[in-house]
């Protein structure tokens, strides 16, 4: 009986330790630029000894567009274009105020979009 009680207590302690999570969702059209910016964020977080989960690759969003080649006739002649949006997810557990400030001052390459949520 005592063994079961100690397991329940340890799970509750683990849940209390993870009180705040900084969830960062990063998007870019180019996967190489995305990986460089994720590495920059991870290096900044590791300087402040933060616990990181990720980067978790999310499914690539593909938008396809079909356009007529000619303006008036030749309806069968068409071109197709696509835009690929690559995404990554990072979780930083129990971030400090200094870490959040360092992440806001971080300069990332153009074309990279970042969404930050505190959970």
Protein backbone atom coordinates (compact mmCIF):
# COMPACT_ATOMS: atom_id res chain seq x y z
CA UNK A 1 0.00 0.00 0.00
CA UNK A 2 2.76 2.47 0.85
CA UNK A 3 4.44 1.87 -2.52
CA UNK A 4 1.27 2.91 -4.36
CA UNK A 5 0.93 6.09 -2.32
CA UNK A 6 4.51 7.15 -3.02
CA UNK A 7 3.98 6.70 -6.76
CA UNK A 8 0.93 8.94 -6.69
CA UNK A 9 2.78 11.60 -4.76
CA UNK A 10 5.71 11.55 -7.18
CA UNK A 11 3.37 12.01 -10.16
CA UNK A 12 1.76 15.00 -8.46
CA UNK A 13 5.18 16.51 -7.80
CA UNK A 14 6.10 16.11 -11.47
CA UNK A 15 2.88 17.85 -12.50
CA UNK A 16 3.59 20.73 -10.13
CA UNK A 17 7.12 21.13 -11.48
CA UNK A 18 5.79 21.70 -15.00
CA UNK A 19 3.67 24.70 -14.16
CA UNK A 20 4.52 26.92 -17.13
CA UNK A 21 5.38 25.98 -20.68
CA UNK A 22 6.47 28.41 -23.37
CA UNK A 23 5.22 26.93 -26.66
CA UNK A 24 6.96 28.30 -29.75
CA UNK A 25 5.57 27.50 -33.20
CA UNK A 26 7.91 28.42 -36.05
CA UNK A 27 6.93 28.61 -39.73
CA UNK A 28 8.89 29.29 -42.90
CA UNK A 29 8.73 28.59 -46.62
CA UNK A 30 12.34 27.37 -46.71
CA UNK A 31 13.26 24.42 -44.51
CA UNK A 32 16.96 25.35 -44.28
CA UNK A 33 16.23 28.82 -42.91
CA UNK A 34 13.72 27.26 -40.53
CA UNK A 35 16.31 24.81 -39.16
CA UNK A 36 18.85 27.61 -38.70
CA UNK A 37 16.40 29.73 -36.72
CA UNK A 38 15.33 26.74 -34.57
CA UNK A 39 18.99 26.07 -33.77
CA UNK A 40 19.41 29.73 -32.79
CA UNK A 41 16.43 29.52 -30.40
CA UNK A 42 17.68 26.27 -28.87
CA UNK A 43 21.19 27.71 -28.34
CA UNK A 44 19.69 30.75 -26.61
CA UNK A 45 17.55 28.56 -24.35
CA UNK A 46 20.48 26.29 -23.47
CA UNK A 47 22.55 29.30 -22.39
CA UNK A 48 19.96 29.90 -19.66
CA UNK A 49 19.86 26.17 -18.70
CA UNK A 50 16.24 25.73 -19.75
CA UNK A 51 14.61 22.37 -20.36
CA UNK A 52 13.58 22.00 -24.00
CA UNK A 53 11.26 19.58 -25.73
CA UNK A 54 11.63 19.49 -29.46
CA UNK A 55 12.02 20.57 -32.17
CA UNK A 56 8.99 18.58 -33.22
CA UNK A 57 8.43 18.66 -37.00
CA UNK A 58 4.80 19.33 -37.84
CA UNK A 59 3.21 18.36 -41.18
CA UNK A 60 4.14 20.55 -44.12
CA UNK A 61 1.21 22.63 -45.32
CA UNK A 62 0.94 22.56 -49.13
CA UNK A 63 -1.21 25.10 -50.99
CA UNK A 64 -1.68 24.38 -54.70
CA UNK A 65 -2.83 26.93 -57.29
CA UNK A 66 -3.90 26.12 -60.86
CA UNK A 67 -3.74 28.91 -63.46
CA UNK A 68 -4.68 29.03 -67.14
CA UNK A 69 -1.62 29.54 -69.36
CA UNK A 70 -3.44 31.62 -71.93
CA UNK A 71 -5.98 34.34 -71.29
CA UNK A 72 -8.68 33.54 -73.79
CA UNK A 73 -8.43 30.18 -75.54
CA UNK A 74 -6.64 26.86 -74.90
CA UNK A 75 -8.58 26.01 -71.78
CA UNK A 76 -6.67 22.71 -71.41
CA UNK A 77 -3.27 24.40 -71.08
CA UNK A 78 -2.75 25.06 -67.38
CA UNK A 79 0.09 25.61 -64.94
CA UNK A 80 0.22 24.49 -61.34
CA UNK A 81 2.10 26.25 -58.55
CA UNK A 82 2.49 25.27 -54.91
CA UNK A 83 3.58 26.92 -51.70
CA UNK A 84 5.05 24.72 -48.97
CA UNK A 85 4.98 25.95 -45.38
CA UNK A 86 7.36 24.03 -43.09
CA UNK A 87 6.59 24.07 -39.36
CA UNK A 88 8.39 23.19 -36.12
CA UNK A 89 7.23 23.15 -32.50
CA UNK A 90 9.39 23.87 -29.44
CA UNK A 91 8.39 23.64 -25.78
CA UNK A 92 10.45 25.39 -23.12
CA UNK A 93 9.52 24.23 -19.63
CA UNK A 94 9.51 26.74 -16.75
CA UNK A 95 11.16 29.64 -18.61
CA UNK A 96 12.85 32.40 -16.65
CA UNK A 97 12.20 36.08 -17.30
CA UNK A 98 15.74 36.56 -18.63
CA UNK A 99 15.22 33.77 -21.16
CA UNK A 100 11.96 35.30 -22.43
CA UNK A 101 13.69 38.66 -22.77
CA UNK A 102 16.59 37.08 -24.67
CA UNK A 103 14.18 35.31 -27.04
CA UNK A 104 12.31 38.55 -27.79
CA UNK A 105 15.59 40.32 -28.64
CA UNK A 106 16.71 37.47 -30.91
CA UNK A 107 17.10 38.50 -34.56
CA UNK A 108 15.96 35.77 -36.93
CA UNK A 109 16.17 35.62 -40.74
CA UNK A 110 13.39 37.19 -42.78
CA UNK A 111 10.64 34.83 -43.88
CA UNK A 112 10.41 33.12 -40.49
CA UNK A 113 7.16 33.52 -38.53
CA UNK A 114 7.02 32.80 -34.83
CA UNK A 115 3.96 32.26 -32.62
CA UNK A 116 4.60 32.20 -28.87
CA UNK A 117 2.09 30.99 -26.27
CA UNK A 118 2.44 30.67 -22.52
CA UNK A 119 0.59 27.63 -21.24
